[in-house]
Amino acid sequence: MIKPSTGNFAGKDIEWHVVLRPLVLDRKADRRRQRPDVAAMIMAFTQKAPARPPIPAEIRVLLVAAFIIALGFGLIAPILPQYAVSFDVGAAAATVIVSIFAFTRLIFAPVAGVLVGKLGEPRIYVTGVLLVAVSTLLCAAVQDYTQLLLARGLGGFGSTMFTISAMALIARLSPKESRGRISGLYAGSFLLGNVAGPVLGTVLAPLGMRLPFVIYGIALVIAAMVVYMALGRRRDLDERAKNPASAATAIEVVTMRQAMGSPTYRAALFSGFSYGWLAFGVRNSMIPLFALAVFGQAQGQSVAGISLAIFAVGNGCALLFSGKLTDRIGRKIPVLIGMSVLIVSIGTMGFFTSLAGFVICSVIAGFGAGTLGPAQQASVADVIGSGRNGGKALAGFQMCQDLGSIIGPLIAGAMADFWSYQLAFSVSAVVGLVGVIAWLLVPQTTKPVPTDNR
């Protein structure tokens, strides 16, 4: 409250005017400040975005290796179930060939997580890729179903080694502002290989089903050589990993128990299970078998290759923006959208018996998977945090994804044998709802979990 000063009336009158006029002007100024500044808004929309951190050299090497690996995998994915059927087994037994690979990944994942922490990512990565190469070359030489089963099982051990190593390097080295983009680029490298692989496999189909395994084995050896020759700086960390005391003081370790304290990590476990069931298990095993059942032996292999290639096209369309999108708006919305689209497309695929239906469902499913994948992987990296060793937490996430890849083909294959493919695809879609429900309970932002050695 302002008190009037002493003096004559004229003095008071002058004083009140002097005091009140600034107050009136201040109110006018406040109203002007509350109006939107059009010039500032135009500048905000037209100015260039802040420069993004560069992609580390180690991650660029992983991108090249991922393309080489995916190229070879794309060769054998369309023919693997049909290769198993050629040994006089049914659909359920053929899907076991896909599931055994995921099963050995599952049981060996905890060991691989420990090895990554003790021996370093590059050693485990190269060893894993070489194991898969040996397994694939053995698949080309097998003479019966049992030998094929054992050969694929051996490859699962190596696969989990290089997968967890690559994920650990990406989580540790990716700048926080670019995790979604880097995850999208990594998925895009696999995409390019998956696009070219099935197409090349279709061209090589008249030469028999054994040649693609030979080519894939050679591609894996090349990928191992690329990583071994290029990751010199990470080999320095391998030397530090030989001394557990110094490694513990230099790098914080995030265990699965600690990661479980994050609701984002718990949701990623559920969505990873659903994603493994739909995008890996059912897509790689049931769709080729369904194509064989609908189009026959003459066209089934070609249609399966086209379906997987079209899936990759839809995946690529999503990857053009999904990585940057999840860096801008967070992980939750892209995960929910991607999983919902994947559920609808896989669930309806069993009701189409035309090539056009296969193409439509495949491209939509690929779009959903491409929207979901980078956000899901980036969310796990958010929980771990930059510069920390998350091998054990990543192994837990990988186990859930592999578990879905195992159970999905087994249950869906049994349903296809005893009932119908329509029921198999529909039940798979219902399983995908598990991931959607889990992510509905996740907050919008994610912080790295605290560790005991902080």
Protein backbone atom coordinates (compact mmCIF):
# COMPACT_ATOMS: atom_id res chain seq x y z
CA MET A 1 0.00 0.00 0.00
CA ILE A 2 1.38 3.43 -1.00
CA LYS A 3 1.11 6.21 1.63
CA PRO A 4 0.61 9.81 0.49
CA SER A 5 3.44 12.15 1.34
CA THR A 6 2.98 15.21 3.50
CA GLY A 7 2.60 18.63 2.00
CA ASN A 8 0.01 20.85 0.39
CA PHE A 9 -2.84 19.59 -1.80
CA ALA A 10 -1.11 20.44 -5.02
CA GLY A 11 1.93 18.52 -3.92
CA LYS A 12 -0.19 15.48 -3.12
CA ASP A 13 -2.00 15.73 -6.43
CA ILE A 14 1.26 15.81 -8.30
CA GLU A 15 2.60 12.89 -6.27
CA TRP A 16 -0.41 10.67 -6.95
CA HIS A 17 -0.10 11.28 -10.66
CA VAL A 18 3.55 10.47 -10.56
CA VAL A 19 2.89 7.21 -8.69
CA LEU A 20 -0.18 6.01 -10.58
CA ARG A 21 0.92 6.71 -14.15
CA PRO A 22 3.75 4.10 -14.08
CA LEU A 23 1.27 1.56 -12.69
CA VAL A 24 -1.04 2.12 -15.63
CA LEU A 25 1.84 1.89 -18.04
CA ASP A 26 2.99 -1.35 -16.38
CA ARG A 27 -0.43 -2.91 -16.90
CA LYS A 28 -0.35 -1.97 -20.58
CA ALA A 29 3.13 -3.41 -20.88
CA ASP A 30 1.96 -6.65 -19.22
CA ARG A 31 -0.85 -6.96 -21.74
CA ARG A 32 1.59 -6.43 -24.58
CA ARG A 33 3.91 -9.11 -23.18
CA GLN A 34 1.01 -11.58 -22.98
CA ARG A 35 0.28 -11.20 -26.70
CA PRO A 36 1.98 -13.83 -28.91
CA ASP A 37 5.20 -12.62 -30.44
CA VAL A 38 4.64 -13.52 -34.09
CA ALA A 39 8.21 -12.75 -35.08
CA ALA A 40 9.61 -14.99 -32.35
CA MET A 41 7.29 -17.82 -33.37
CA ILE A 42 8.38 -17.55 -37.02
CA MET A 43 12.03 -17.63 -35.97
CA ALA A 44 11.43 -20.72 -33.80
CA PHE A 45 9.96 -22.63 -36.73
CA THR A 46 12.46 -21.47 -39.34
CA GLN A 47 15.72 -21.67 -37.41
CA LYS A 48 17.91 -24.70 -37.91
CA ALA A 49 17.76 -27.54 -35.38
CA PRO A 50 20.75 -27.93 -33.07
CA ALA A 51 23.59 -29.94 -34.54
CA ARG A 52 23.22 -33.63 -33.73
CA PRO A 53 26.12 -35.46 -32.11
CA PRO A 54 28.17 -37.48 -34.62
CA ILE A 55 27.73 -41.24 -34.79
CA PRO A 56 30.71 -42.96 -33.09
CA ALA A 57 33.04 -44.84 -35.42
CA GLU A 58 32.43 -48.13 -33.59
CA ILE A 59 28.70 -47.91 -34.26
CA ARG A 60 29.32 -47.19 -37.96
CA VAL A 61 31.31 -50.42 -38.13
CA LEU A 62 28.43 -52.30 -36.52
CA LEU A 63 26.08 -50.85 -39.14
CA VAL A 64 28.20 -52.30 -41.95
CA ALA A 65 28.47 -55.68 -40.23
CA ALA A 66 24.71 -55.71 -39.59
CA PHE A 67 24.03 -55.26 -43.29
CA ILE A 68 26.33 -58.16 -44.22
CA ILE A 69 24.75 -60.44 -41.62
CA ALA A 70 21.21 -59.52 -42.64
CA LEU A 71 21.99 -60.06 -46.31
CA GLY A 72 22.96 -63.66 -45.61
CA PHE A 73 20.07 -64.24 -43.22
CA GLY A 74 17.66 -62.95 -45.86
CA LEU A 75 18.89 -65.71 -48.15
CA ILE A 76 17.94 -68.55 -45.83
CA ALA A 77 14.89 -67.15 -43.99
CA PRO A 78 12.34 -67.89 -46.76
CA ILE A 79 13.60 -71.41 -47.39
CA LEU A 80 14.53 -72.61 -43.89
CA PRO A 81 11.09 -74.04 -42.94
CA GLN A 82 10.70 -75.54 -46.41
CA TYR A 83 14.22 -76.96 -46.18
CA ALA A 84 13.12 -78.73 -42.99
CA VAL A 85 9.95 -80.03 -44.69
CA SER A 86 12.13 -81.58 -47.39
CA PHE A 87 13.29 -84.08 -44.72
CA ASP A 88 9.71 -85.46 -44.51
CA VAL A 89 8.46 -83.64 -41.39
CA GLY A 90 5.28 -81.67 -40.71
CA ALA A 91 4.64 -77.98 -40.11
CA ALA A 92 5.14 -78.21 -36.34
CA ALA A 93 8.49 -79.98 -36.74
CA ALA A 94 9.54 -77.44 -39.38
CA THR A 95 8.86 -74.55 -37.00
CA VAL A 96 11.06 -76.25 -34.40
CA ILE A 97 14.02 -75.48 -36.67
CA VAL A 98 13.27 -71.79 -36.15
CA SER A 99 12.52 -72.24 -32.46
CA ILE A 100 15.68 -74.22 -31.62
CA PHE A 101 17.79 -71.29 -32.78
CA ALA A 102 15.89 -68.97 -30.44
CA PHE A 103 15.91 -71.56 -27.64
CA THR A 104 19.69 -71.82 -27.56
CA ARG A 105 19.88 -68.03 -27.67
CA LEU A 106 17.58 -67.96 -24.66
CA ILE A 107 19.49 -70.39 -22.45
CA PHE A 108 22.88 -68.91 -23.34
CA ALA A 109 21.88 -65.23 -22.99
CA PRO A 110 22.81 -64.92 -19.27
CA VAL A 111 26.25 -66.39 -19.96
CA ALA A 112 26.74 -64.07 -22.92
CA GLY A 113 25.85 -61.06 -20.77
CA VAL A 114 28.50 -62.03 -18.22
CA LEU A 115 31.10 -62.65 -20.94
CA VAL A 116 30.47 -59.21 -22.45
CA GLY A 117 31.24 -57.61 -19.10
CA LYS A 118 34.39 -59.66 -18.48
CA LEU A 119 35.97 -60.00 -21.93
CA GLY A 120 34.64 -56.93 -23.74
CA GLU A 121 32.22 -56.48 -26.61
CA PRO A 122 34.53 -56.98 -29.65
CA ARG A 123 35.87 -60.41 -28.59
CA ILE A 124 32.40 -61.75 -27.86
CA TYR A 125 30.98 -60.23 -31.04
CA VAL A 126 33.58 -61.77 -33.35
CA THR A 127 33.42 -65.16 -31.60
CA GLY A 128 29.64 -65.21 -31.86
CA VAL A 129 29.59 -64.36 -35.56
CA LEU A 130 32.13 -67.09 -36.33
CA LEU A 131 30.07 -69.66 -34.41
CA VAL A 132 27.02 -68.81 -36.50
CA ALA A 133 29.15 -69.10 -39.64
CA VAL A 134 30.21 -72.63 -38.71
CA SER A 135 26.62 -73.54 -37.88
CA THR A 136 25.34 -72.22 -41.21
CA LEU A 137 27.93 -74.07 -43.25
CA LEU A 138 27.00 -77.26 -41.39
CA CYS A 139 23.35 -76.69 -42.36
CA ALA A 140 24.40 -76.83 -46.00
CA ALA A 141 25.92 -80.30 -45.47
CA VAL A 142 23.32 -82.02 -43.25
CA GLN A 143 21.65 -85.22 -44.44
CA ASP A 144 18.62 -85.49 -42.15
CA TYR A 145 16.33 -83.49 -39.89
CA THR A 146 18.23 -84.29 -36.67
CA GLN A 147 21.50 -82.99 -38.06
CA LEU A 148 19.77 -79.81 -39.23
CA LEU A 149 18.30 -79.35 -35.76
CA LEU A 150 21.71 -79.67 -34.07
CA ALA A 151 23.39 -77.35 -36.56
CA ARG A 152 20.81 -74.61 -36.05
CA GLY A 153 21.03 -75.03 -32.30
CA LEU A 154 24.77 -74.37 -32.41
CA GLY A 155 24.14 -71.15 -34.29
CA GLY A 156 21.89 -69.89 -31.53
CA PHE A 157 24.81 -69.81 -29.08
CA GLY A 158 26.82 -67.58 -31.37
CA SER A 159 23.86 -65.40 -32.30
CA THR A 160 23.15 -64.31 -28.74
CA MET A 161 26.84 -63.48 -28.26
CA PHE A 162 27.08 -61.01 -31.13
CA THR A 163 23.56 -59.63 -30.60
CA ILE A 164 24.10 -58.69 -26.95
CA SER A 165 27.58 -57.35 -27.74
CA ALA A 166 26.21 -55.07 -30.45
CA MET A 167 23.36 -53.86 -28.24
CA ALA A 168 25.80 -53.18 -25.38
CA LEU A 169 28.04 -51.08 -27.61
CA ILE A 170 25.09 -49.09 -28.95
CA ALA A 171 23.70 -48.47 -25.45
CA ARG A 172 27.10 -47.40 -24.10
CA LEU A 173 28.30 -45.22 -26.98
CA SER A 174 25.10 -43.64 -28.32
CA PRO A 175 24.57 -39.98 -27.31
CA LYS A 176 21.30 -39.54 -25.44
CA GLU A 177 19.97 -37.12 -28.08
CA SER A 178 20.50 -39.65 -30.90
CA ARG A 179 19.62 -43.04 -29.42
CA GLY A 180 16.44 -43.38 -31.42
CA ARG A 181 18.15 -42.32 -34.63
CA ILE A 182 21.05 -44.74 -34.11
CA SER A 183 18.65 -47.56 -33.27
CA GLY A 184 16.79 -46.75 -36.48
CA LEU A 185 20.00 -46.79 -38.50
CA TYR A 186 20.99 -50.14 -37.00
CA ALA A 187 17.59 -51.55 -37.84
CA GLY A 188 17.88 -49.98 -41.29
CA SER A 189 21.14 -51.83 -41.93
CA PHE A 190 19.36 -55.09 -41.20
CA LEU A 191 16.51 -53.90 -43.38
CA LEU A 192 18.68 -53.34 -46.44
CA GLY A 193 20.10 -56.83 -46.05
CA ASN A 194 16.66 -58.31 -45.51
CA VAL A 195 15.40 -56.59 -48.68
CA ALA A 196 18.24 -57.80 -50.86
CA GLY A 197 18.52 -61.24 -49.24
CA PRO A 198 15.09 -62.71 -50.09
CA VAL A 199 15.21 -61.25 -53.59
CA LEU A 200 18.61 -62.81 -54.18
CA GLY A 201 17.36 -66.03 -52.60
CA THR A 202 14.44 -66.13 -55.04
CA VAL A 203 16.86 -65.77 -57.95
CA LEU A 204 19.02 -68.59 -56.57
CA ALA A 205 16.03 -70.85 -55.83
CA PRO A 206 16.44 -72.97 -59.00
CA LEU A 207 19.99 -73.86 -57.85
CA GLY A 208 18.71 -75.67 -54.78
CA MET A 209 18.19 -74.91 -51.08
CA ARG A 210 21.74 -75.66 -49.89
CA LEU A 211 23.61 -72.93 -51.77
CA PRO A 212 22.10 -70.03 -49.73
CA PHE A 213 23.53 -71.55 -46.53
CA VAL A 214 27.01 -71.58 -48.06
CA ILE A 215 26.70 -67.94 -49.11
CA TYR A 216 25.41 -66.95 -45.66
CA GLY A 217 28.32 -68.71 -43.95
CA ILE A 218 30.82 -66.83 -46.10
CA ALA A 219 29.04 -63.52 -45.43
CA LEU A 220 29.32 -64.11 -41.68
CA VAL A 221 33.07 -64.69 -41.94
CA ILE A 222 33.39 -61.39 -43.83
CA ALA A 223 31.36 -59.58 -41.15
CA ALA A 224 33.59 -60.99 -38.40
CA MET A 225 36.69 -59.79 -40.23
CA VAL A 226 35.23 -56.28 -40.66
CA VAL A 227 34.52 -55.93 -36.95
CA TYR A 228 37.85 -57.45 -35.86
CA MET A 229 39.89 -55.15 -38.09
CA ALA A 230 37.97 -51.96 -37.30
CA LEU A 231 37.21 -51.91 -33.57
CA GLY A 232 40.70 -51.04 -32.39
CA ARG A 233 39.58 -48.59 -29.72
CA ARG A 234 37.20 -51.12 -28.22
CA ARG A 235 40.04 -53.63 -27.99
CA ASP A 236 41.69 -51.17 -25.63
CA LEU A 237 38.65 -51.54 -23.40
CA ASP A 238 39.01 -55.31 -23.72
CA GLU A 239 42.46 -54.99 -22.16
CA ARG A 240 40.97 -53.00 -19.29
CA ALA A 241 38.31 -55.67 -18.86
CA LYS A 242 41.02 -58.17 -17.94
CA ASN A 243 41.43 -56.30 -14.64
CA PRO A 244 38.05 -56.48 -12.88
CA ALA A 245 39.04 -53.94 -10.23
CA SER A 246 39.95 -51.22 -12.72
CA ALA A 247 36.95 -52.01 -14.91
CA ALA A 248 34.58 -51.67 -11.97
CA THR A 249 35.94 -48.23 -11.11
CA ALA A 250 35.84 -47.04 -14.73
CA ILE A 251 32.43 -48.32 -15.86
CA GLU A 252 29.18 -48.60 -13.93
CA VAL A 253 27.44 -51.96 -14.36
CA VAL A 254 23.64 -52.16 -14.64
CA THR A 255 22.23 -55.56 -13.67
CA MET A 256 18.84 -56.93 -14.63
CA ARG A 257 17.67 -56.64 -11.01
CA GLN A 258 18.46 -52.93 -11.01
CA ALA A 259 16.84 -52.41 -14.42
CA MET A 260 13.66 -54.10 -13.18
CA GLY A 261 13.13 -51.07 -10.95
CA SER A 262 12.20 -49.07 -14.06
CA PRO A 263 8.61 -49.36 -15.37
CA THR A 264 9.96 -48.72 -18.87
CA TYR A 265 12.26 -51.74 -18.68
CA ARG A 266 9.46 -53.96 -17.36
CA ALA A 267 7.20 -52.86 -20.23
CA ALA A 268 10.02 -53.49 -22.72
CA LEU A 269 10.25 -57.08 -21.45
CA PHE A 270 6.56 -57.66 -22.21
CA SER A 271 6.63 -55.90 -25.58
CA GLY A 272 9.87 -57.69 -26.44
CA PHE A 273 8.12 -61.02 -25.83
CA SER A 274 5.22 -60.01 -28.09
CA TYR A 275 7.58 -58.59 -30.70
CA GLY A 276 9.62 -61.79 -30.74
CA TRP A 277 6.46 -63.89 -31.13
CA LEU A 278 5.07 -61.84 -34.03
CA ALA A 279 7.98 -60.25 -35.91
CA PHE A 280 10.49 -63.11 -35.58
CA GLY A 281 8.79 -66.39 -34.75
CA VAL A 282 5.53 -66.20 -36.69
CA ARG A 283 6.88 -64.10 -39.55
CA ASN A 284 9.93 -66.26 -40.24
CA SER A 285 8.25 -69.65 -39.81
CA MET A 286 4.48 -69.49 -40.23
CA ILE A 287 4.27 -67.12 -43.18
CA PRO A 288 6.54 -69.26 -45.44
CA LEU A 289 4.59 -72.38 -44.44
CA PHE A 290 1.26 -70.64 -45.03
CA ALA A 291 2.49 -69.57 -48.48
CA LEU A 292 3.45 -73.18 -49.20
CA ALA A 293 0.02 -74.41 -48.11
CA VAL A 294 -1.89 -71.80 -50.15
CA PHE A 295 0.19 -71.60 -53.34
CA GLY A 296 1.70 -75.08 -53.46
CA GLN A 297 5.25 -76.32 -53.87
CA ALA A 298 5.73 -74.62 -57.27
CA GLN A 299 4.99 -71.04 -56.17
CA GLY A 300 5.17 -71.26 -52.36
CA GLN A 301 8.89 -70.53 -52.08
CA SER A 302 8.73 -67.51 -54.39
CA VAL A 303 5.66 -66.08 -52.64
CA ALA A 304 7.34 -66.51 -49.26
CA GLY A 305 10.40 -64.63 -50.50
CA ILE A 306 8.22 -61.85 -51.91
CA SER A 307 6.28 -61.61 -48.65
CA LEU A 308 9.42 -61.21 -46.54
CA ALA A 309 10.85 -58.68 -49.00
CA ILE A 310 7.65 -56.63 -48.93
CA PHE A 311 7.73 -56.76 -45.13
CA ALA A 312 11.18 -55.18 -45.36
CA VAL A 313 9.84 -52.45 -47.66
CA GLY A 314 7.19 -51.48 -45.12
CA ASN A 315 9.83 -51.66 -42.42
CA GLY A 316 12.04 -49.29 -44.37
CA CYS A 317 9.24 -46.76 -44.90
CA ALA A 318 8.78 -46.59 -41.13
CA LEU A 319 12.49 -46.42 -40.39
CA LEU A 320 12.78 -43.29 -42.54
CA PHE A 321 11.20 -41.34 -39.69
CA SER A 322 10.67 -43.57 -36.65
CA GLY A 323 14.15 -43.16 -35.18
CA LYS A 324 14.02 -39.36 -35.30
CA LEU A 325 10.39 -39.40 -34.16
CA THR A 326 11.15 -41.31 -30.96
CA ASP A 327 13.98 -38.89 -30.15
CA ARG A 328 11.51 -35.99 -30.43
CA ILE A 329 8.31 -37.29 -28.80
CA GLY A 330 9.59 -40.10 -26.59
CA ARG A 331 9.38 -43.88 -26.72
CA LYS A 332 5.85 -44.65 -25.53
CA ILE A 333 3.71 -43.42 -28.45
CA PRO A 334 5.81 -45.04 -31.24
CA VAL A 335 5.81 -48.34 -29.35
CA LEU A 336 2.03 -48.31 -28.92
CA ILE A 337 1.38 -47.36 -32.54
CA GLY A 338 3.87 -49.87 -33.95
CA MET A 339 2.65 -52.78 -31.84
CA SER A 340 -1.01 -52.06 -32.68
CA VAL A 341 -0.31 -52.00 -36.42
CA LEU A 342 1.71 -55.21 -36.17
CA ILE A 343 -1.12 -56.94 -34.29
CA VAL A 344 -3.78 -56.04 -36.85
CA SER A 345 -1.71 -57.04 -39.88
CA ILE A 346 -0.54 -60.40 -38.50
CA GLY A 347 -3.99 -61.23 -37.15
CA THR A 348 -5.68 -60.75 -40.51
CA MET A 349 -3.01 -62.35 -42.70
CA GLY A 350 -4.40 -65.86 -42.24
CA PHE A 351 -7.68 -64.85 -43.90
CA PHE A 352 -6.06 -63.86 -47.22
CA THR A 353 -5.36 -66.48 -49.85
CA SER A 354 -4.27 -64.20 -52.70
CA LEU A 355 -0.91 -62.68 -53.52
CA ALA A 356 -2.39 -59.19 -53.15
CA GLY A 357 -3.53 -60.00 -49.62
CA PHE A 358 -0.07 -61.30 -48.74
CA VAL A 359 1.52 -58.11 -50.05
CA ILE A 360 -0.84 -55.77 -48.21
CA CYS A 361 -0.55 -57.53 -44.85
CA SER A 362 3.21 -57.90 -45.19
CA VAL A 363 3.87 -54.24 -45.93
CA ILE A 364 1.61 -53.10 -43.07
CA ALA A 365 3.27 -55.52 -40.66
CA GLY A 366 6.68 -54.26 -41.71
CA PHE A 367 5.57 -50.67 -41.12
CA GLY A 368 4.42 -51.54 -37.62
CA ALA A 369 7.64 -53.36 -36.78
CA GLY A 370 9.70 -50.46 -38.13
CA THR A 371 7.83 -47.99 -35.95
CA LEU A 372 8.12 -50.17 -32.85
CA GLY A 373 11.70 -51.44 -33.08
CA PRO A 374 13.84 -48.27 -32.69
CA ALA A 375 11.68 -46.90 -29.86
CA GLN A 376 11.77 -50.18 -27.96
CA GLN A 377 15.54 -50.56 -28.23
CA ALA A 378 16.13 -46.90 -27.38
CA SER A 379 13.95 -47.26 -24.27
CA VAL A 380 16.17 -50.04 -22.94
CA ALA A 381 19.23 -47.89 -23.67
CA ASP A 382 17.58 -45.04 -21.74
CA VAL A 383 17.22 -47.28 -18.71
CA ILE A 384 20.89 -48.30 -18.87
CA GLY A 385 22.30 -44.84 -19.60
CA SER A 386 25.35 -43.68 -21.54
CA GLY A 387 28.81 -44.93 -20.63
CA ARG A 388 27.53 -47.86 -18.53
CA ASN A 389 27.86 -51.61 -19.00
CA GLY A 390 24.37 -53.02 -19.46
CA GLY A 391 25.23 -56.50 -20.70
CA LYS A 392 23.22 -58.29 -18.03
CA ALA A 393 20.15 -56.07 -18.41
CA LEU A 394 20.32 -56.39 -22.18
CA ALA A 395 20.60 -60.15 -21.83
CA GLY A 396 17.33 -60.17 -19.86
CA PHE A 397 15.58 -58.15 -22.56
CA GLN A 398 16.98 -60.43 -25.26
CA MET A 399 15.79 -63.51 -23.34
CA CYS A 400 12.20 -62.26 -23.33
CA GLN A 401 12.33 -61.55 -27.04
CA ASP A 402 13.80 -64.98 -27.75
CA LEU A 403 11.20 -66.62 -25.51
CA GLY A 404 8.48 -65.17 -27.72
CA SER A 405 10.35 -66.39 -30.80
CA ILE A 406 10.39 -69.91 -29.34
CA ILE A 407 6.85 -70.22 -28.02
CA GLY A 408 5.21 -68.41 -30.93
CA PRO A 409 6.16 -70.80 -33.75
CA LEU A 410 5.56 -73.87 -31.58
CA ILE A 411 2.02 -72.92 -30.55
CA ALA A 412 1.10 -71.38 -33.91
CA GLY A 413 2.54 -74.37 -35.79
CA ALA A 414 0.58 -76.84 -33.65
CA MET A 415 -2.63 -74.85 -34.24
CA ALA A 416 -1.98 -74.84 -37.97
CA ASP A 417 -1.49 -78.63 -37.99
CA PHE A 418 -4.54 -79.48 -35.86
CA TRP A 419 -6.94 -76.61 -36.66
CA SER A 420 -6.14 -73.86 -39.16
CA TYR A 421 -3.70 -71.12 -40.07
CA GLN A 422 -6.44 -68.57 -39.44
CA LEU A 423 -6.63 -69.56 -35.77
CA ALA A 424 -2.84 -69.58 -35.48
CA PHE A 425 -2.50 -66.00 -36.75
CA SER A 426 -5.46 -64.77 -34.68
CA VAL A 427 -4.10 -66.16 -31.41
CA SER A 428 -0.73 -64.59 -32.21
CA ALA A 429 -2.42 -61.21 -32.55
CA VAL A 430 -4.05 -61.63 -29.14
CA VAL A 431 -0.64 -62.32 -27.60
CA GLY A 432 0.56 -59.02 -29.04
CA LEU A 433 -1.93 -57.20 -26.83
CA VAL A 434 0.31 -58.06 -23.85
CA GLY A 435 2.88 -55.56 -25.06
CA VAL A 436 0.28 -52.85 -25.67
CA ILE A 437 -1.21 -53.17 -22.19
CA ALA A 438 2.23 -53.06 -20.55
CA TRP A 439 3.21 -49.83 -22.31
CA LEU A 440 -0.05 -48.07 -21.44
CA LEU A 441 1.23 -47.98 -17.83
CA VAL A 442 4.62 -46.43 -18.65
CA PRO A 443 5.38 -42.73 -17.97
CA GLN A 444 6.33 -40.51 -20.89
CA THR A 445 9.95 -39.93 -19.80
CA THR A 446 12.60 -42.45 -18.74
CA LYS A 447 15.66 -41.91 -16.54
CA PRO A 448 18.68 -44.22 -16.11
CA VAL A 449 18.27 -46.52 -13.13
CA PRO A 450 20.56 -46.02 -10.12
CA THR A 451 23.31 -48.58 -9.54
CA ASP A 452 24.91 -49.95 -6.38
CA ASN A 453 28.38 -48.85 -7.44
CA ARG A 454 27.42 -45.23 -7.98
